Amino acid sequence: MKRVALTVIAAAIMFTAFSGAVAGASNVLKTRHDTVKNSIGNIR
């Protein structure tokens, strides 16, 4: 039973780390998109 609990905790920690990585990548892509969009708007 203790081993199962540790496995669940480990999975939760891994999921949290993965979620953070995805959020970070998403923020970088959004910033890049917004920069390009604003640059194109400034040309017009």
N, C-alpha and C. Protein backbone atom coordinates (compact mmCIF):
# COMPACT_ATOMS: atom_id res chain seq x y z
N MET A 1 0.82 -1.19 0.00
CA MET A 1 0.00 0.00 0.00
C MET A 1 0.86 1.26 0.00
N LYS A 2 1.94 1.22 0.79
CA LYS A 2 2.84 2.37 0.86
C LYS A 2 3.50 2.61 -0.49
N ARG A 3 3.84 1.53 -1.19
CA ARG A 3 4.48 1.65 -2.50
C ARG A 3 3.54 2.29 -3.51
N VAL A 4 2.26 1.93 -3.44
CA VAL A 4 1.27 2.52 -4.35
C VAL A 4 1.15 4.02 -4.09
N ALA A 5 1.13 4.40 -2.83
CA ALA A 5 1.02 5.81 -2.48
C ALA A 5 2.22 6.59 -2.99
N LEU A 6 3.41 6.02 -2.87
CA LEU A 6 4.61 6.69 -3.37
C LEU A 6 4.58 6.81 -4.89
N THR A 7 4.07 5.80 -5.55
CA THR A 7 3.95 5.84 -7.01
C THR A 7 2.98 6.94 -7.43
N VAL A 8 1.88 7.06 -6.74
CA VAL A 8 0.90 8.10 -7.05
C VAL A 8 1.50 9.49 -6.81
N ILE A 9 2.22 9.65 -5.73
CA ILE A 9 2.87 10.93 -5.44
C ILE A 9 3.90 11.26 -6.52
N ALA A 10 4.68 10.27 -6.91
CA ALA A 10 5.69 10.49 -7.96
C ALA A 10 5.02 10.89 -9.27
N ALA A 11 3.92 10.25 -9.60
CA ALA A 11 3.19 10.58 -10.83
C ALA A 11 2.65 12.01 -10.76
N ALA A 12 2.16 12.40 -9.61
CA ALA A 12 1.63 13.76 -9.45
C ALA A 12 2.73 14.80 -9.61
N ILE A 13 3.89 14.50 -9.06
CA ILE A 13 5.03 15.43 -9.19
C ILE A 13 5.45 15.54 -10.65
N MET A 14 5.52 14.42 -11.35
CA MET A 14 5.90 14.44 -12.76
C MET A 14 4.87 15.21 -13.59
N PHE A 15 3.59 15.00 -13.29
CA PHE A 15 2.54 15.71 -14.02
C PHE A 15 2.64 17.21 -13.80
N THR A 16 2.91 17.61 -12.58
CA THR A 16 3.05 19.03 -12.26
C THR A 16 4.23 19.64 -13.02
N ALA A 17 5.33 18.93 -13.05
CA ALA A 17 6.51 19.42 -13.78
C ALA A 17 6.21 19.52 -15.27
N PHE A 18 5.53 18.52 -15.82
CA PHE A 18 5.18 18.54 -17.24
C PHE A 18 4.24 19.70 -17.54
N SER A 19 3.26 19.93 -16.68
CA SER A 19 2.31 21.02 -16.88
C SER A 19 3.03 22.37 -16.88
N GLY A 20 3.99 22.50 -15.99
CA GLY A 20 4.77 23.73 -15.94
C GLY A 20 5.57 23.94 -17.21
N ALA A 21 6.14 22.87 -17.73
CA ALA A 21 6.92 22.96 -18.97
C ALA A 21 6.04 23.35 -20.14
N VAL A 22 4.85 22.77 -20.21
CA VAL A 22 3.92 23.09 -21.29
C VAL A 22 3.48 24.55 -21.18
N ALA A 23 3.18 25.00 -19.99
CA ALA A 23 2.77 26.39 -19.80
C ALA A 23 3.90 27.34 -20.20
N GLY A 24 5.12 27.00 -19.85
CA GLY A 24 6.26 27.83 -20.22
C GLY A 24 6.43 27.92 -21.72
N ALA A 25 6.33 26.79 -22.40
CA ALA A 25 6.45 26.78 -23.86
C ALA A 25 5.32 27.57 -24.50
N SER A 26 4.13 27.44 -23.95
CA SER A 26 2.99 28.17 -24.47
C SER A 26 3.20 29.68 -24.35
N ASN A 27 3.72 30.11 -23.22
CA ASN A 27 3.98 31.54 -23.02
C ASN A 27 5.00 32.07 -24.00
N VAL A 28 6.04 31.28 -24.26
CA VAL A 28 7.07 31.71 -25.22
C VAL A 28 6.48 31.83 -26.62
N LEU A 29 5.68 30.84 -27.02
CA LEU A 29 5.07 30.90 -28.35
C LEU A 29 4.09 32.05 -28.48
N LYS A 30 3.33 32.33 -27.43
CA LYS A 30 2.38 33.45 -27.47
C LYS A 30 3.13 34.77 -27.60
N THR A 31 4.20 34.93 -26.86
CA THR A 31 4.99 36.16 -26.93
C THR A 31 5.56 36.33 -28.32
N ARG A 32 6.07 35.25 -28.89
CA ARG A 32 6.63 35.31 -30.24
C ARG A 32 5.55 35.70 -31.25
N HIS A 33 4.38 35.09 -31.14
CA HIS A 33 3.27 35.39 -32.03
C HIS A 33 2.86 36.86 -31.92
N ASP A 34 2.72 37.34 -30.70
CA ASP A 34 2.32 38.73 -30.48
C ASP A 34 3.35 39.70 -31.04
N THR A 35 4.63 39.37 -30.91
CA THR A 35 5.69 40.23 -31.44
C THR A 35 5.61 40.32 -32.95
N VAL A 36 5.45 39.18 -33.60
CA VAL A 36 5.35 39.17 -35.07
C VAL A 36 4.09 39.92 -35.52
N LYS A 37 3.00 39.68 -34.83
CA LYS A 37 1.74 40.35 -35.19
C LYS A 37 1.86 41.87 -35.07
N ASN A 38 2.49 42.33 -33.98
CA ASN A 38 2.66 43.76 -33.80
C ASN A 38 3.62 44.34 -34.83
N SER A 39 4.65 43.59 -35.19
CA SER A 39 5.59 44.06 -36.22
C SER A 39 4.90 44.24 -37.55
N ILE A 40 4.06 43.28 -37.91
CA ILE A 40 3.31 43.38 -39.17
C ILE A 40 2.35 44.56 -39.11
N GLY A 41 1.70 44.75 -37.96
CA GLY A 41 0.80 45.89 -37.82
C GLY A 41 1.53 47.22 -37.94
N ASN A 42 2.76 47.28 -37.47
CA ASN A 42 3.53 48.53 -37.56
C ASN A 42 3.95 48.85 -38.99
N ILE A 43 4.11 47.82 -39.82
CA ILE A 43 4.49 48.04 -41.22
C ILE A 43 3.31 48.67 -41.98
N ARG A 44 2.11 48.23 -41.67
CA ARG A 44 0.92 48.74 -42.36
C ARG A 44 0.69 50.13 -41.92
